[in-house]
Amino acid sequence: GKSKTLQELKDEGTRLRMQKRTVLRQFFERSQEEEKIHKEQRQREKEEAIEKERQRANEDSRLLRVARMKELEGKHQSRKEMKAAWDSQVQRKQELKDRPEAP
């Protein structure tokens, strides 16, 4: 075929350089976009993990509160029972004391 003129070769070189630059820019933009997506995803995962942890902590403290309430109720209950036992003992002693002596 007919050999290209210097100007045509220059134009071709320019066009190729422009194409290369466009491709590089697109590649760069795409990788930036992907990086942004990854960053957002990592952030979301971190937030979800924090939320899960918070829920777990809430659940733990709720269970702890329930256990503590049960424990306090238990203490209260056993205190009441002890008092009742003590009272009936006192009452029994009182009754024995009040009972007239057998002749």
C-alpha atoms as a PDB file:
ATOM      1  CA  GLY A   1       0.000   0.000   0.000  1.00  0.00           C
ATOM      2  CA  LYS A   2       0.986   3.602  -0.132  1.00  0.00           C
ATOM      3  CA  SER A   3       3.324   4.642   2.639  1.00  0.00           C
ATOM      4  CA  LYS A   4       1.924   7.098   5.175  1.00  0.00           C
ATOM      5  CA  THR A   5       3.104  10.647   5.280  1.00  0.00           C
ATOM      6  CA  LEU A   6       4.829  12.021   8.319  1.00  0.00           C
ATOM      7  CA  GLN A   7       1.692  14.004   9.225  1.00  0.00           C
ATOM      8  CA  GLU A   8      -0.512  10.880   9.066  1.00  0.00           C
ATOM      9  CA  LEU A   9       1.915   8.994  11.308  1.00  0.00           C
ATOM     10  CA  LYS A  10       1.907  11.916  13.760  1.00  0.00           C
ATOM     11  CA  ASP A  11      -1.891  12.033  13.753  1.00  0.00           C
ATOM     12  CA  GLU A  12      -2.065   8.298  14.332  1.00  0.00           C
ATOM     13  CA  GLY A  13       0.388   8.546  17.220  1.00  0.00           C
ATOM     14  CA  THR A  14      -1.680  11.334  18.750  1.00  0.00           C
ATOM     15  CA  ARG A  15      -4.863   9.332  18.365  1.00  0.00           C
ATOM     16  CA  LEU A  16      -3.296   6.285  20.006  1.00  0.00           C
ATOM     17  CA  ARG A  17      -1.965   8.401  22.856  1.00  0.00           C
ATOM     18  CA  MET A  18      -5.438   9.892  23.345  1.00  0.00           C
ATOM     19  CA  GLN A  19      -7.016   6.427  23.324  1.00  0.00           C
ATOM     20  CA  LYS A  20      -4.445   5.188  25.820  1.00  0.00           C
ATOM     21  CA  ARG A  21      -5.103   8.181  28.054  1.00  0.00           C
ATOM     22  CA  THR A  22      -8.863   7.600  27.851  1.00  0.00           C
ATOM     23  CA  VAL A  23      -8.445   3.919  28.681  1.00  0.00           C
ATOM     24  CA  LEU A  24      -6.138   4.774  31.592  1.00  0.00           C
ATOM     25  CA  ARG A  25      -8.552   7.406  32.881  1.00  0.00           C
ATOM     26  CA  GLN A  26     -11.477   4.981  32.646  1.00  0.00           C
ATOM     27  CA  PHE A  27      -9.417   2.331  34.407  1.00  0.00           C
ATOM     28  CA  PHE A  28      -8.421   4.818  37.096  1.00  0.00           C
ATOM     29  CA  GLU A  29     -12.006   6.022  37.579  1.00  0.00           C
ATOM     30  CA  ARG A  30     -13.257   2.466  37.736  1.00  0.00           C
ATOM     31  CA  SER A  31     -10.653   1.488  40.318  1.00  0.00           C
ATOM     32  CA  GLN A  32     -11.504   4.632  42.319  1.00  0.00           C
ATOM     33  CA  GLU A  33     -15.176   3.661  42.170  1.00  0.00           C
ATOM     34  CA  GLU A  34     -14.380   0.103  43.260  1.00  0.00           C
ATOM     35  CA  GLU A  35     -12.211   1.408  46.085  1.00  0.00           C
ATOM     36  CA  LYS A  36     -15.080   3.627  47.218  1.00  0.00           C
ATOM     37  CA  ILE A  37     -17.492   0.681  47.096  1.00  0.00           C
ATOM     38  CA  HIS A  38     -15.058  -1.476  49.088  1.00  0.00           C
ATOM     39  CA  LYS A  39     -14.600   1.302  51.624  1.00  0.00           C
ATOM     40  CA  GLU A  40     -18.359   1.712  52.041  1.00  0.00           C
ATOM     41  CA  GLN A  41     -18.757  -2.048  52.346  1.00  0.00           C
ATOM     42  CA  ARG A  42     -16.032  -2.250  55.011  1.00  0.00           C
ATOM     43  CA  GLN A  43     -17.659   0.663  56.851  1.00  0.00           C
ATOM     44  CA  ARG A  44     -21.061  -1.033  56.685  1.00  0.00           C
ATOM     45  CA  GLU A  45     -19.606  -4.331  57.920  1.00  0.00           C
ATOM     46  CA  LYS A  46     -17.883  -2.502  60.765  1.00  0.00           C
ATOM     47  CA  GLU A  47     -21.136  -0.753  61.720  1.00  0.00           C
ATOM     48  CA  GLU A  48     -23.055  -4.043  61.557  1.00  0.00           C
ATOM     49  CA  ALA A  49     -20.436  -5.707  63.756  1.00  0.00           C
ATOM     50  CA  ILE A  50     -20.677  -2.832  66.239  1.00  0.00           C
ATOM     51  CA  GLU A  51     -24.478  -3.058  66.224  1.00  0.00           C
ATOM     52  CA  LYS A  52     -24.341  -6.836  66.778  1.00  0.00           C
ATOM     53  CA  GLU A  53     -21.886  -6.330  69.626  1.00  0.00           C
ATOM     54  CA  ARG A  54     -24.164  -3.676  71.138  1.00  0.00           C
ATOM     55  CA  GLN A  55     -27.175  -5.977  70.919  1.00  0.00           C
ATOM     56  CA  ARG A  56     -25.168  -8.786  72.518  1.00  0.00           C
ATOM     57  CA  ALA A  57     -24.077  -6.448  75.307  1.00  0.00           C
ATOM     58  CA  ASN A  58     -27.682  -5.318  75.812  1.00  0.00           C
ATOM     59  CA  GLU A  59     -28.837  -8.920  75.967  1.00  0.00           C
ATOM     60  CA  ASP A  60     -26.041  -9.759  78.428  1.00  0.00           C
ATOM     61  CA  SER A  61     -26.914  -6.837  80.687  1.00  0.00           C
ATOM     62  CA  ARG A  62     -30.607  -7.740  80.445  1.00  0.00           C
ATOM     63  CA  LEU A  63     -29.869 -11.319  81.498  1.00  0.00           C
ATOM     64  CA  LEU A  64     -27.644  -9.988  84.245  1.00  0.00           C
ATOM     65  CA  ARG A  65     -30.421  -7.677  85.456  1.00  0.00           C
ATOM     66  CA  VAL A  66     -32.930 -10.541  85.454  1.00  0.00           C
ATOM     67  CA  ALA A  67     -30.475 -12.771  87.328  1.00  0.00           C
ATOM     68  CA  ARG A  68     -29.795 -10.028  89.862  1.00  0.00           C
ATOM     69  CA  MET A  69     -33.525  -9.431  90.364  1.00  0.00           C
ATOM     70  CA  LYS A  70     -34.079 -13.160  90.861  1.00  0.00           C
ATOM     71  CA  GLU A  71     -31.188 -13.247  93.302  1.00  0.00           C
ATOM     72  CA  LEU A  72     -32.619 -10.289  95.244  1.00  0.00           C
ATOM     73  CA  GLU A  73     -36.077 -11.880  95.217  1.00  0.00           C
ATOM     74  CA  GLY A  74     -34.477 -15.082  96.472  1.00  0.00           C
ATOM     75  CA  LYS A  75     -32.686 -13.210  99.250  1.00  0.00           C
ATOM     76  CA  HIS A  76     -35.903 -11.416 100.129  1.00  0.00           C
ATOM     77  CA  GLN A  77     -37.785 -14.711 100.093  1.00  0.00           C
ATOM     78  CA  SER A  78     -35.270 -16.513 102.300  1.00  0.00           C
ATOM     79  CA  ARG A  79     -35.164 -13.494 104.628  1.00  0.00           C
ATOM     80  CA  LYS A  80     -38.956 -13.659 104.920  1.00  0.00           C
ATOM     81  CA  GLU A  81     -38.800 -17.395 105.579  1.00  0.00           C
ATOM     82  CA  MET A  82     -36.090 -16.924 108.198  1.00  0.00           C
ATOM     83  CA  LYS A  83     -38.151 -14.225 109.885  1.00  0.00           C
ATOM     84  CA  ALA A  84     -41.243 -16.421 109.819  1.00  0.00           C
ATOM     85  CA  ALA A  85     -39.310 -19.323 111.314  1.00  0.00           C
ATOM     86  CA  TRP A  86     -37.847 -17.039 113.972  1.00  0.00           C
ATOM     87  CA  ASP A  87     -41.274 -15.547 114.772  1.00  0.00           C
ATOM     88  CA  SER A  88     -42.914 -18.964 115.127  1.00  0.00           C
ATOM     89  CA  GLN A  89     -40.043 -20.062 117.345  1.00  0.00           C
ATOM     90  CA  VAL A  90     -40.474 -16.978 119.536  1.00  0.00           C
ATOM     91  CA  GLN A  91     -44.223 -17.558 119.538  1.00  0.00           C
ATOM     92  CA  ARG A  92     -43.760 -21.190 120.573  1.00  0.00           C
ATOM     93  CA  LYS A  93     -41.446 -20.159 123.433  1.00  0.00           C
ATOM     94  CA  GLN A  94     -43.997 -17.532 124.445  1.00  0.00           C
ATOM     95  CA  GLU A  95     -46.801 -20.122 124.407  1.00  0.00           C
ATOM     96  CA  LEU A  96     -44.695 -22.510 126.485  1.00  0.00           C
ATOM     97  CA  LYS A  97     -43.998 -19.716 128.947  1.00  0.00           C
ATOM     98  CA  ASP A  98     -47.659 -18.653 129.083  1.00  0.00           C
ATOM     99  CA  ARG A  99     -48.961 -22.187 129.537  1.00  0.00           C
ATOM    100  CA  PRO A 100     -49.879 -22.781 133.130  1.00  0.00           C
ATOM    101  CA  GLU A 101     -47.638 -25.222 134.920  1.00  0.00           C
ATOM    102  CA  ALA A 102     -48.993 -28.704 135.163  1.00  0.00           C
ATOM    103  CA  PRO A 103     -49.674 -29.569 138.761  1.00  0.00           C
END
